[in-house]
Amino acid sequence: PNPNPNPNPNPNPNPKPYQVLTKLIIAGELACRPGDTGLRTITADVIMIRYTGKFECGSAAAPHTGGLKLDISYGERLISVQYDKDRGTGGELKLFGAPKTPSWTRLAATAAAGATQLALQVPSGSAFTWAVGDRIVIAPSGFDQNEAEERTITAVTVDGAGATLTLDSGLSSAHEVLSETYGANGAGVNLRPEVTVLTRSIVMKGTPTNTQYPMPQCPYAPMP
């Protein structure tokens, strides 16, 4: 009998919950399983699709029903799709996740600092597929780009007047809806901050960084 019940003579004392590939080279076809509703993660230094390769997940007619995360935040951090000029053929990368409709919209009313709800414009008859748990970002209404804010949706209400989102925490800044009139003919401009949904079912993740490059304030901003 084998006195060592562990078949691995050098077990890893600190196993990771995932396996990091050095290189994933696709020369044939790699595809997501139709009907799969789980989250699949590929973590690699390099993902290379050769000129004979295909990496497909869903299609325009039938988007992938599950989640896919391509994590290339290690090593060389590269996704490469090769093309062979002599053969006139190249690799294919086709990823179709569940659509978010609309991808972005605008505030229907001013959201004050501290507010935990947003009123959004939704055209009558249009689909609205944002859901609880989705991450959103609200654009600033002033000159300071740092007033853009990310929040998580905790409740969604949709009616004929638009959509109302409940947020996981109050807003740090006000996001104002303004109307301006210009010129002798009184042309009106409706100024509404944009709101977009960040959550996607297919994600490509690069290297995280805490580096921020300071941007000068808009030269047309009012002086304090």
Protein backbone atom coordinates (compact mmCIF):
# COMPACT_ATOMS: atom_id res chain seq x y z
CA PRO A 1 0.00 0.00 0.00
CA ASN A 2 1.06 3.58 -0.67
CA PRO A 3 2.06 5.14 2.67
CA ASN A 4 1.40 8.61 1.25
CA PRO A 5 -2.33 9.02 0.55
CA ASN A 6 -1.67 12.35 -1.17
CA PRO A 7 -0.86 11.67 -4.85
CA ASN A 8 0.84 15.05 -5.12
CA PRO A 9 4.29 14.83 -3.47
CA ASN A 10 4.56 18.64 -3.32
CA PRO A 11 1.14 20.00 -2.42
CA ASN A 12 0.68 23.75 -2.62
CA PRO A 13 0.31 24.98 0.99
CA ASN A 14 -1.51 28.11 -0.22
CA PRO A 15 -3.83 27.02 -3.02
CA LYS A 16 -5.56 29.74 -5.04
CA PRO A 17 -9.30 29.57 -5.75
CA TYR A 18 -8.46 29.78 -9.47
CA GLN A 19 -5.77 28.66 -11.90
CA VAL A 20 -3.79 31.40 -13.67
CA LEU A 21 -2.77 30.32 -17.17
CA THR A 22 0.46 31.64 -18.62
CA LYS A 23 -0.89 31.57 -22.17
CA LEU A 24 -4.21 30.49 -23.62
CA ILE A 25 -3.60 29.84 -27.34
CA ILE A 26 -6.69 29.10 -29.43
CA ALA A 27 -5.92 27.48 -32.78
CA GLY A 28 -9.24 25.66 -33.13
CA GLU A 29 -12.60 26.70 -31.71
CA LEU A 30 -13.47 27.67 -28.15
CA ALA A 31 -17.13 28.42 -27.47
CA CYS A 32 -19.44 29.00 -24.53
CA ARG A 33 -21.97 26.23 -23.97
CA PRO A 34 -25.43 27.32 -25.20
CA GLY A 35 -27.90 27.66 -22.35
CA ASP A 36 -25.20 27.95 -19.67
CA THR A 37 -26.37 30.39 -16.98
CA GLY A 38 -23.30 30.24 -14.72
CA LEU A 39 -20.37 32.62 -14.43
CA ARG A 40 -17.22 31.33 -16.16
CA THR A 41 -13.83 32.96 -15.57
CA ILE A 42 -10.67 32.64 -17.66
CA THR A 43 -7.56 34.04 -15.95
CA ALA A 44 -4.43 34.25 -18.10
CA ASP A 45 -1.36 36.35 -18.80
CA VAL A 46 -2.01 36.13 -22.55
CA ILE A 47 -5.01 35.09 -24.63
CA MET A 48 -3.92 34.51 -28.21
CA ILE A 49 -6.29 33.58 -31.04
CA ARG A 50 -4.34 32.17 -33.98
CA TYR A 51 -5.36 32.85 -37.58
CA THR A 52 -7.15 29.48 -37.57
CA GLY A 53 -8.85 30.06 -34.21
CA LYS A 54 -12.28 31.15 -33.06
CA PHE A 55 -13.45 32.24 -29.63
CA GLU A 56 -17.21 32.66 -29.59
CA CYS A 57 -19.72 33.27 -26.84
CA GLY A 58 -23.33 33.75 -27.92
CA SER A 59 -24.44 35.50 -31.10
CA ALA A 60 -26.29 38.66 -32.09
CA ALA A 61 -29.48 36.61 -32.47
CA ALA A 62 -28.94 34.57 -29.27
CA PRO A 63 -26.77 36.39 -26.68
CA HIS A 64 -25.00 34.30 -24.06
CA THR A 65 -27.33 33.63 -21.12
CA GLY A 66 -24.60 33.34 -18.47
CA GLY A 67 -21.60 35.37 -17.44
CA LEU A 68 -18.05 35.39 -18.79
CA LYS A 69 -15.06 37.14 -17.25
CA LEU A 70 -11.73 37.36 -19.06
CA ASP A 71 -9.17 38.36 -16.44
CA ILE A 72 -5.86 39.40 -18.00
CA SER A 73 -4.64 41.47 -15.06
CA TYR A 74 -1.42 39.46 -14.69
CA GLY A 75 1.86 39.09 -16.59
CA GLU A 76 1.91 40.46 -20.13
CA ARG A 77 -1.81 41.41 -20.07
CA LEU A 78 -2.55 40.81 -23.73
CA ILE A 79 -5.42 39.66 -25.91
CA SER A 80 -4.17 39.01 -29.44
CA VAL A 81 -6.12 38.09 -32.58
CA GLN A 82 -3.78 37.06 -35.40
CA TYR A 83 -4.24 37.62 -39.12
CA ASP A 84 -2.36 35.71 -41.81
CA LYS A 85 -1.80 38.03 -44.76
CA ASP A 86 -0.65 35.26 -47.11
CA ARG A 87 -3.67 33.06 -46.43
CA GLY A 88 -6.08 35.98 -46.21
CA THR A 89 -7.65 34.68 -43.03
CA GLY A 90 -7.64 35.72 -39.41
CA GLY A 91 -8.78 34.64 -35.99
CA GLU A 92 -12.25 35.51 -34.74
CA LEU A 93 -13.34 36.90 -31.37
CA LYS A 94 -17.13 37.17 -31.08
CA LEU A 95 -18.63 37.86 -27.66
CA PHE A 96 -22.34 38.64 -27.29
CA GLY A 97 -23.58 39.19 -23.75
CA ALA A 98 -27.07 39.92 -22.47
CA PRO A 99 -27.96 43.45 -23.60
CA LYS A 100 -28.68 46.25 -21.16
CA THR A 101 -31.45 48.48 -22.51
CA PRO A 102 -30.95 51.37 -22.65
CA SER A 103 -27.17 51.46 -22.31
CA TRP A 104 -27.55 55.00 -20.94
CA THR A 105 -30.20 57.63 -20.35
CA ARG A 106 -30.66 60.99 -18.60
CA LEU A 107 -32.08 62.22 -15.33
CA ALA A 108 -35.75 63.18 -15.47
CA ALA A 109 -35.44 65.43 -12.41
CA THR A 110 -32.74 66.98 -10.26
CA ALA A 111 -31.17 64.61 -7.72
CA ALA A 112 -30.12 66.50 -4.61
CA ALA A 113 -27.05 65.71 -2.54
CA GLY A 114 -28.00 62.94 -0.12
CA ALA A 115 -30.75 61.58 -2.38
CA THR A 116 -31.14 57.79 -2.51
CA GLN A 117 -33.46 57.73 -5.54
CA LEU A 118 -33.06 58.77 -9.16
CA ALA A 119 -35.83 59.58 -11.64
CA LEU A 120 -34.76 58.59 -15.16
CA GLN A 121 -36.10 59.32 -18.61
CA VAL A 122 -37.37 56.24 -20.46
CA PRO A 123 -39.07 56.73 -23.84
CA SER A 124 -42.64 55.45 -23.85
CA GLY A 125 -42.82 51.85 -25.04
CA SER A 126 -39.05 51.28 -24.65
CA ALA A 127 -37.60 48.35 -22.74
CA PHE A 128 -35.78 48.98 -19.47
CA THR A 129 -33.66 46.03 -18.34
CA TRP A 130 -31.55 47.58 -15.56
CA ALA A 131 -31.88 45.37 -12.48
CA VAL A 132 -31.22 45.19 -8.75
CA GLY A 133 -27.49 44.70 -8.17
CA ASP A 134 -26.44 46.57 -11.32
CA ARG A 135 -23.71 49.19 -10.93
CA ILE A 136 -24.42 52.63 -12.44
CA VAL A 137 -22.60 55.95 -12.78
CA ILE A 138 -24.19 59.41 -12.69
CA ALA A 139 -22.42 62.17 -14.62
CA PRO A 140 -21.74 65.51 -12.93
CA SER A 141 -23.87 68.52 -13.80
CA GLY A 142 -21.14 71.03 -13.00
CA PHE A 143 -17.52 71.56 -14.03
CA ASP A 144 -15.93 69.12 -11.58
CA GLN A 145 -15.41 65.67 -13.10
CA ASN A 146 -14.90 64.23 -9.62
CA GLU A 147 -18.61 64.72 -8.94
CA ALA A 148 -19.36 61.71 -11.13
CA GLU A 149 -20.66 59.03 -8.76
CA GLU A 150 -21.01 55.25 -8.85
CA ARG A 151 -23.82 53.51 -7.02
CA THR A 152 -25.53 50.11 -6.89
CA ILE A 153 -29.24 49.69 -7.66
CA THR A 154 -31.29 48.22 -4.79
CA ALA A 155 -34.77 48.65 -6.30
CA VAL A 156 -36.28 49.49 -9.71
CA THR A 157 -39.74 50.89 -10.52
CA VAL A 158 -40.81 51.44 -14.14
CA ASP A 159 -44.03 53.19 -15.21
CA GLY A 160 -45.29 55.26 -18.11
CA ALA A 161 -43.46 58.33 -16.83
CA GLY A 162 -40.01 56.71 -16.73
CA ALA A 163 -38.00 54.71 -14.22
CA THR A 164 -37.12 55.27 -10.57
CA LEU A 165 -33.99 53.72 -9.11
CA THR A 166 -33.26 53.27 -5.42
CA LEU A 167 -29.55 53.44 -4.58
CA ASP A 168 -27.42 51.69 -1.98
CA SER A 169 -26.27 55.04 -0.53
CA GLY A 170 -27.02 58.74 -0.83
CA LEU A 171 -25.41 60.96 -3.44
CA SER A 172 -22.41 63.03 -2.40
CA SER A 173 -23.18 65.86 -4.85
CA ALA A 174 -26.25 67.37 -6.44
CA HIS A 175 -26.94 66.43 -10.08
CA GLU A 176 -29.09 69.23 -11.49
CA VAL A 177 -31.48 69.27 -14.43
CA LEU A 178 -31.41 72.73 -16.01
CA SER A 179 -33.03 74.49 -18.97
CA GLU A 180 -31.21 77.35 -20.71
CA THR A 181 -32.42 79.76 -23.39
CA TYR A 182 -30.02 81.30 -25.90
CA GLY A 183 -30.17 83.77 -28.77
CA ALA A 184 -32.77 86.16 -30.10
CA ASN A 185 -35.02 83.30 -31.19
CA GLY A 186 -35.07 81.87 -27.68
CA ALA A 187 -33.64 78.47 -28.57
CA GLY A 188 -33.84 76.19 -25.55
CA VAL A 189 -31.21 73.75 -24.35
CA ASN A 190 -32.18 71.02 -21.92
CA LEU A 191 -29.20 70.14 -19.71
CA ARG A 192 -29.60 66.76 -18.05
CA PRO A 193 -26.82 64.64 -16.50
CA GLU A 194 -26.35 61.26 -18.14
CA VAL A 195 -26.74 58.00 -16.23
CA THR A 196 -25.23 54.79 -17.58
CA VAL A 197 -25.24 51.19 -16.42
CA LEU A 198 -21.78 49.66 -15.95
CA THR A 199 -22.76 46.06 -15.26
CA ARG A 200 -22.26 43.66 -18.16
CA SER A 201 -22.56 39.88 -18.42
CA ILE A 202 -19.27 39.66 -20.36
CA VAL A 203 -16.31 41.50 -18.87
CA MET A 204 -12.68 41.90 -19.90
CA LYS A 205 -10.64 42.85 -16.84
CA GLY A 206 -7.26 44.50 -17.15
CA THR A 207 -4.74 45.65 -14.57
CA PRO A 208 -6.22 47.58 -11.65
CA THR A 209 -4.45 50.78 -10.74
CA ASN A 210 -4.78 53.51 -8.17
CA THR A 211 -2.93 56.00 -10.36
CA GLN A 212 -4.92 59.12 -11.23
CA TYR A 213 -3.69 61.83 -13.53
CA PRO A 214 -4.92 65.27 -12.46
CA MET A 215 -6.97 67.16 -15.03
CA PRO A 216 -7.03 70.96 -15.09
CA GLN A 217 -10.37 72.58 -14.42
CA CYS A 218 -12.34 73.69 -17.47
CA PRO A 219 -11.06 77.19 -18.39
CA TYR A 220 -14.66 78.33 -18.87
CA ALA A 221 -15.68 77.35 -15.33
CA PRO A 222 -16.89 80.28 -13.21
CA MET A 223 -14.29 81.72 -10.87
CA PRO A 224 -14.93 81.23 -7.12
